[in-house]
Amino acid sequence: MVDYKFIEYLEGFVTEKRKNLFQKVLEDRTRHFTVAIEDIFQPHNSSAIVRSCDIFGIQDLHVIESKYEFYASNQVAKGAQKWIDFSLYNKQDSNNTLDCIADLKSKGYQIIATTPHNESCYLEDFDISKKSAFFFGVEKQGLSDQVMNNADGYLKIPMVGFTESLNISVAVAIILQNLNTRLRKSTVNWQLTEEEKSELYLKWLMKTIKSIKKIEAHYYEKIAIQP
């Protein structure tokens, strides 16, 4: 349950400009689409992906860390990592890729593998009405067989040059920009629920306020002594 009184209390520590920005961004956030990345080893690419997710309204990023640890550089991500939610799959005694797929399927997502190497659906033909998780892998190896064998569909960006693949961060940006534009012109119910917006709004308020622990403690102390 969201503590709306606590939200109201915290709003007293934030400027109107900041509050309005949060509300504006929340109106464009979505969980209708999400992104999953598998063992991305270059921090520059990981950071650029985080930035694209924020820019194009994707609230959740799922990170598979079986071989490489995920890292988002603030210099490249420009602080975007502060505003999106991460789910990390990095257990040593587990199949992290299959865990990620199972988690997303349990939340109603279809698994879409991005690849230029098979009979994939072209980006402009992709059906945006279904809740979808887009999986991205590194350039040379691509996605693992576990993703490819468990995918519900495949997606590729049309290319007309000699080169067969795009840098992963570029591919993510192109796909999200296309889907973002089409989604907002559609009748699909893609926005967050009011409760989800409130939960995120509270989280963002807490992240932006200095000395939040002291302020939170004072608030709940105040409640505790009220008759």
Protein backbone atom coordinates (compact mmCIF):
# COMPACT_ATOMS: atom_id res chain seq x y z
CA MET A 1 0.00 0.00 0.00
CA VAL A 2 1.25 3.45 -0.91
CA ASP A 3 1.44 5.89 2.00
CA TYR A 4 -0.15 8.93 0.35
CA LYS A 5 0.24 11.05 3.48
CA PHE A 6 3.97 10.37 3.41
CA ILE A 7 4.04 11.42 -0.25
CA GLU A 8 2.28 14.66 0.67
CA TYR A 9 4.76 15.22 3.49
CA LEU A 10 7.78 14.66 1.21
CA GLU A 11 6.40 17.01 -1.43
CA GLY A 12 7.13 19.82 1.01
CA PHE A 13 10.85 19.21 0.46
CA VAL A 14 10.73 19.30 -3.36
CA THR A 15 10.26 22.20 -5.77
CA GLU A 16 7.14 22.51 -7.91
CA LYS A 17 9.33 22.18 -10.98
CA ARG A 18 10.68 18.82 -9.80
CA LYS A 19 7.22 17.52 -8.84
CA ASN A 20 5.79 18.52 -12.21
CA LEU A 21 8.67 16.84 -14.02
CA PHE A 22 8.10 13.60 -12.10
CA GLN A 23 4.39 13.64 -12.95
CA LYS A 24 5.09 14.37 -16.61
CA VAL A 25 7.61 11.53 -16.92
CA LEU A 26 5.28 9.10 -15.13
CA GLU A 27 2.59 9.74 -17.74
CA ASP A 28 4.99 8.42 -20.39
CA ARG A 29 6.35 5.43 -18.46
CA THR A 30 5.34 1.91 -19.49
CA ARG A 31 5.61 -1.70 -18.44
CA HIS A 32 3.81 -2.87 -21.55
CA PHE A 33 7.28 -3.36 -23.05
CA THR A 34 10.45 -4.22 -21.20
CA VAL A 35 14.08 -4.94 -22.10
CA ALA A 36 16.34 -7.84 -21.11
CA ILE A 37 20.08 -7.91 -21.81
CA GLU A 38 22.19 -11.05 -21.66
CA ASP A 39 25.84 -10.89 -20.54
CA ILE A 40 26.77 -7.49 -21.92
CA PHE A 41 30.46 -7.03 -21.08
CA GLN A 42 31.11 -3.49 -22.31
CA PRO A 43 30.07 -0.83 -19.76
CA HIS A 44 29.67 1.76 -22.51
CA ASN A 45 26.97 -0.37 -24.17
CA SER A 46 25.24 -1.21 -20.88
CA SER A 47 25.16 2.45 -19.92
CA ALA A 48 23.81 3.55 -23.29
CA ILE A 49 21.05 0.93 -23.04
CA VAL A 50 20.03 2.25 -19.61
CA ARG A 51 19.87 5.75 -21.03
CA SER A 52 17.72 4.64 -23.99
CA CYS A 53 15.31 2.82 -21.67
CA ASP A 54 14.80 5.99 -19.64
CA ILE A 55 14.50 8.23 -22.70
CA PHE A 56 11.89 6.00 -24.36
CA GLY A 57 9.82 5.38 -21.24
CA ILE A 58 10.81 1.80 -20.37
CA GLN A 59 10.59 1.47 -16.60
CA ASP A 60 12.18 -1.96 -16.10
CA LEU A 61 15.48 -3.40 -17.30
CA HIS A 62 16.25 -7.09 -16.77
CA VAL A 63 19.94 -7.95 -16.60
CA ILE A 64 21.36 -11.46 -16.97
CA GLU A 65 24.84 -11.65 -15.41
CA SER A 66 25.99 -15.24 -15.89
CA LYS A 67 29.42 -14.30 -17.28
CA TYR A 68 29.84 -10.56 -16.81
CA GLU A 69 28.81 -8.12 -14.10
CA PHE A 70 26.56 -5.29 -15.20
CA TYR A 71 27.82 -1.75 -14.76
CA ALA A 72 26.25 1.55 -15.77
CA SER A 73 28.63 4.48 -16.09
CA ASN A 74 27.10 7.72 -14.86
CA GLN A 75 29.05 9.60 -17.51
CA VAL A 76 27.31 7.67 -20.31
CA ALA A 77 23.97 6.89 -18.67
CA LYS A 78 23.67 10.53 -17.51
CA GLY A 79 22.02 9.45 -14.26
CA ALA A 80 19.28 7.47 -16.00
CA GLN A 81 20.02 4.45 -13.78
CA LYS A 82 18.51 6.41 -10.89
CA TRP A 83 15.04 6.45 -12.44
CA ILE A 84 14.51 2.96 -13.85
CA ASP A 85 14.09 -0.36 -12.01
CA PHE A 86 16.57 -3.20 -12.42
CA SER A 87 16.02 -6.93 -12.03
CA LEU A 88 19.35 -8.77 -11.82
CA TYR A 89 19.74 -12.50 -12.53
CA ASN A 90 23.15 -13.51 -11.22
CA LYS A 91 22.89 -16.58 -8.98
CA GLN A 92 25.90 -18.87 -9.14
CA ASP A 93 23.93 -22.09 -8.72
CA SER A 94 21.13 -21.25 -11.16
CA ASN A 95 20.45 -20.88 -14.88
CA ASN A 96 20.07 -17.11 -14.90
CA THR A 97 18.81 -16.87 -18.47
CA LEU A 98 16.03 -19.38 -17.87
CA ASP A 99 15.21 -17.70 -14.55
CA CYS A 100 14.80 -14.38 -16.35
CA ILE A 101 12.60 -15.91 -19.04
CA ALA A 102 10.42 -17.67 -16.44
CA ASP A 103 10.08 -14.48 -14.39
CA LEU A 104 8.99 -12.44 -17.40
CA LYS A 105 6.56 -15.08 -18.64
CA SER A 106 4.99 -15.25 -15.16
CA LYS A 107 4.32 -11.51 -15.51
CA GLY A 108 2.53 -11.99 -18.82
CA TYR A 109 5.31 -11.05 -21.23
CA GLN A 110 5.98 -12.78 -24.51
CA ILE A 111 9.69 -13.34 -25.10
CA ILE A 112 11.01 -11.62 -28.22
CA ALA A 113 14.57 -12.38 -29.31
CA THR A 114 16.20 -9.66 -31.39
CA THR A 115 18.30 -11.23 -34.14
CA PRO A 116 19.07 -10.61 -37.82
CA HIS A 117 19.87 -14.27 -38.48
CA ASN A 118 16.55 -16.06 -38.98
CA GLU A 119 13.03 -15.53 -40.25
CA SER A 120 12.40 -12.69 -37.85
CA CYS A 121 9.54 -10.23 -37.96
CA TYR A 122 10.63 -6.85 -39.29
CA LEU A 123 10.39 -4.02 -36.79
CA GLU A 124 7.72 -2.10 -38.71
CA ASP A 125 5.51 -5.23 -38.83
CA PHE A 126 5.74 -6.07 -35.14
CA ASP A 127 2.41 -6.39 -33.31
CA ILE A 128 2.61 -3.83 -30.48
CA SER A 129 -0.63 -4.92 -28.81
CA LYS A 130 0.99 -7.76 -26.85
CA LYS A 131 2.97 -7.30 -23.67
CA SER A 132 6.55 -8.02 -24.80
CA ALA A 133 10.05 -8.43 -23.38
CA PHE A 134 12.81 -7.73 -25.90
CA PHE A 135 16.03 -9.70 -25.41
CA PHE A 136 19.37 -8.36 -26.63
CA GLY A 137 22.75 -10.08 -26.74
CA VAL A 138 26.29 -9.10 -27.68
CA GLU A 139 27.11 -8.36 -31.31
CA LYS A 140 29.26 -11.34 -32.32
CA GLN A 141 27.73 -14.17 -30.30
CA GLY A 142 24.19 -12.83 -30.19
CA LEU A 143 21.69 -14.32 -27.79
CA SER A 144 22.23 -17.72 -26.21
CA ASP A 145 20.49 -20.86 -27.47
CA GLN A 146 18.43 -20.77 -24.28
CA VAL A 147 16.84 -17.50 -25.31
CA MET A 148 16.50 -18.48 -28.96
CA ASN A 149 14.90 -21.83 -28.12
CA ASN A 150 12.45 -20.34 -25.60
CA ALA A 151 11.46 -17.22 -27.53
CA ASP A 152 7.86 -16.67 -28.56
CA GLY A 153 8.98 -14.57 -31.51
CA TYR A 154 11.95 -12.97 -33.26
CA LEU A 155 12.52 -9.38 -34.31
CA LYS A 156 14.97 -7.68 -36.64
CA ILE A 157 15.74 -4.20 -37.87
CA PRO A 158 15.71 -3.83 -41.66
CA MET A 159 19.27 -3.32 -42.97
CA VAL A 160 20.37 -2.73 -46.54
CA GLY A 161 24.16 -2.50 -46.23
CA PHE A 162 26.97 -5.07 -46.20
CA THR A 163 27.15 -5.23 -42.40
CA GLU A 164 24.88 -7.82 -40.76
CA SER A 165 24.51 -6.38 -37.28
CA LEU A 166 24.29 -3.16 -35.31
CA ASN A 167 26.00 -2.24 -32.08
CA ILE A 168 23.68 -3.48 -29.33
CA SER A 169 23.07 -0.06 -27.80
CA VAL A 170 22.20 1.34 -31.23
CA ALA A 171 19.81 -1.57 -31.89
CA VAL A 172 18.08 -1.00 -28.54
CA ALA A 173 17.64 2.71 -29.28
CA ILE A 174 16.23 2.12 -32.78
CA ILE A 175 13.76 -0.54 -31.61
CA LEU A 176 12.57 1.42 -28.57
CA GLN A 177 12.16 4.64 -30.54
CA ASN A 178 10.01 2.86 -33.14
CA LEU A 179 7.90 1.02 -30.56
CA ASN A 180 7.56 4.10 -28.37
CA THR A 181 6.24 6.20 -31.26
CA ARG A 182 3.78 3.56 -32.44
CA LEU A 183 2.57 2.72 -28.94
CA ARG A 184 1.66 6.31 -28.15
CA LYS A 185 -0.34 6.63 -31.33
CA SER A 186 -2.25 3.42 -30.62
CA THR A 187 -5.28 2.51 -28.50
CA VAL A 188 -3.24 -0.02 -26.50
CA ASN A 189 -3.51 0.41 -22.73
CA TRP A 190 0.25 0.90 -22.23
CA GLN A 191 0.46 3.33 -19.33
CA LEU A 192 1.23 2.48 -15.72
CA THR A 193 -1.64 2.02 -13.29
CA GLU A 194 -2.34 4.85 -10.86
CA GLU A 195 -0.91 2.74 -8.02
CA GLU A 196 2.27 2.05 -10.00
CA LYS A 197 2.65 5.76 -10.70
CA SER A 198 2.24 6.57 -7.00
CA GLU A 199 4.79 3.92 -5.99
CA LEU A 200 7.34 5.30 -8.42
CA TYR A 201 6.56 8.89 -7.51
CA LEU A 202 7.28 8.09 -3.86
CA LYS A 203 10.49 6.28 -4.77
CA TRP A 204 11.68 9.17 -6.92
CA LEU A 205 10.84 11.72 -4.23
CA MET A 206 12.91 9.75 -1.74
CA LYS A 207 15.82 9.53 -4.18
CA THR A 208 15.88 13.26 -4.82
CA ILE A 209 15.67 14.51 -1.21
CA LYS A 210 18.86 14.94 0.81
CA SER A 211 18.89 13.47 4.34
CA ILE A 212 15.88 11.33 3.42
CA LYS A 213 16.54 8.83 6.24
CA LYS A 214 16.33 11.54 8.89
CA ILE A 215 13.23 13.04 7.29
CA GLU A 216 11.54 9.64 7.05
CA ALA A 217 12.40 8.82 10.68
CA HIS A 218 11.01 12.17 11.82
CA TYR A 219 7.78 11.61 9.88
CA TYR A 220 7.09 8.19 11.39
CA GLU A 221 8.11 9.41 14.85
CA LYS A 222 5.52 12.15 14.47
CA ILE A 223 2.86 9.61 13.53
CA ALA A 224 3.79 7.36 16.45
CA ILE A 225 3.26 10.10 19.05
CA GLN A 226 -0.03 11.29 17.60
CA PRO A 227 -3.04 10.42 19.82
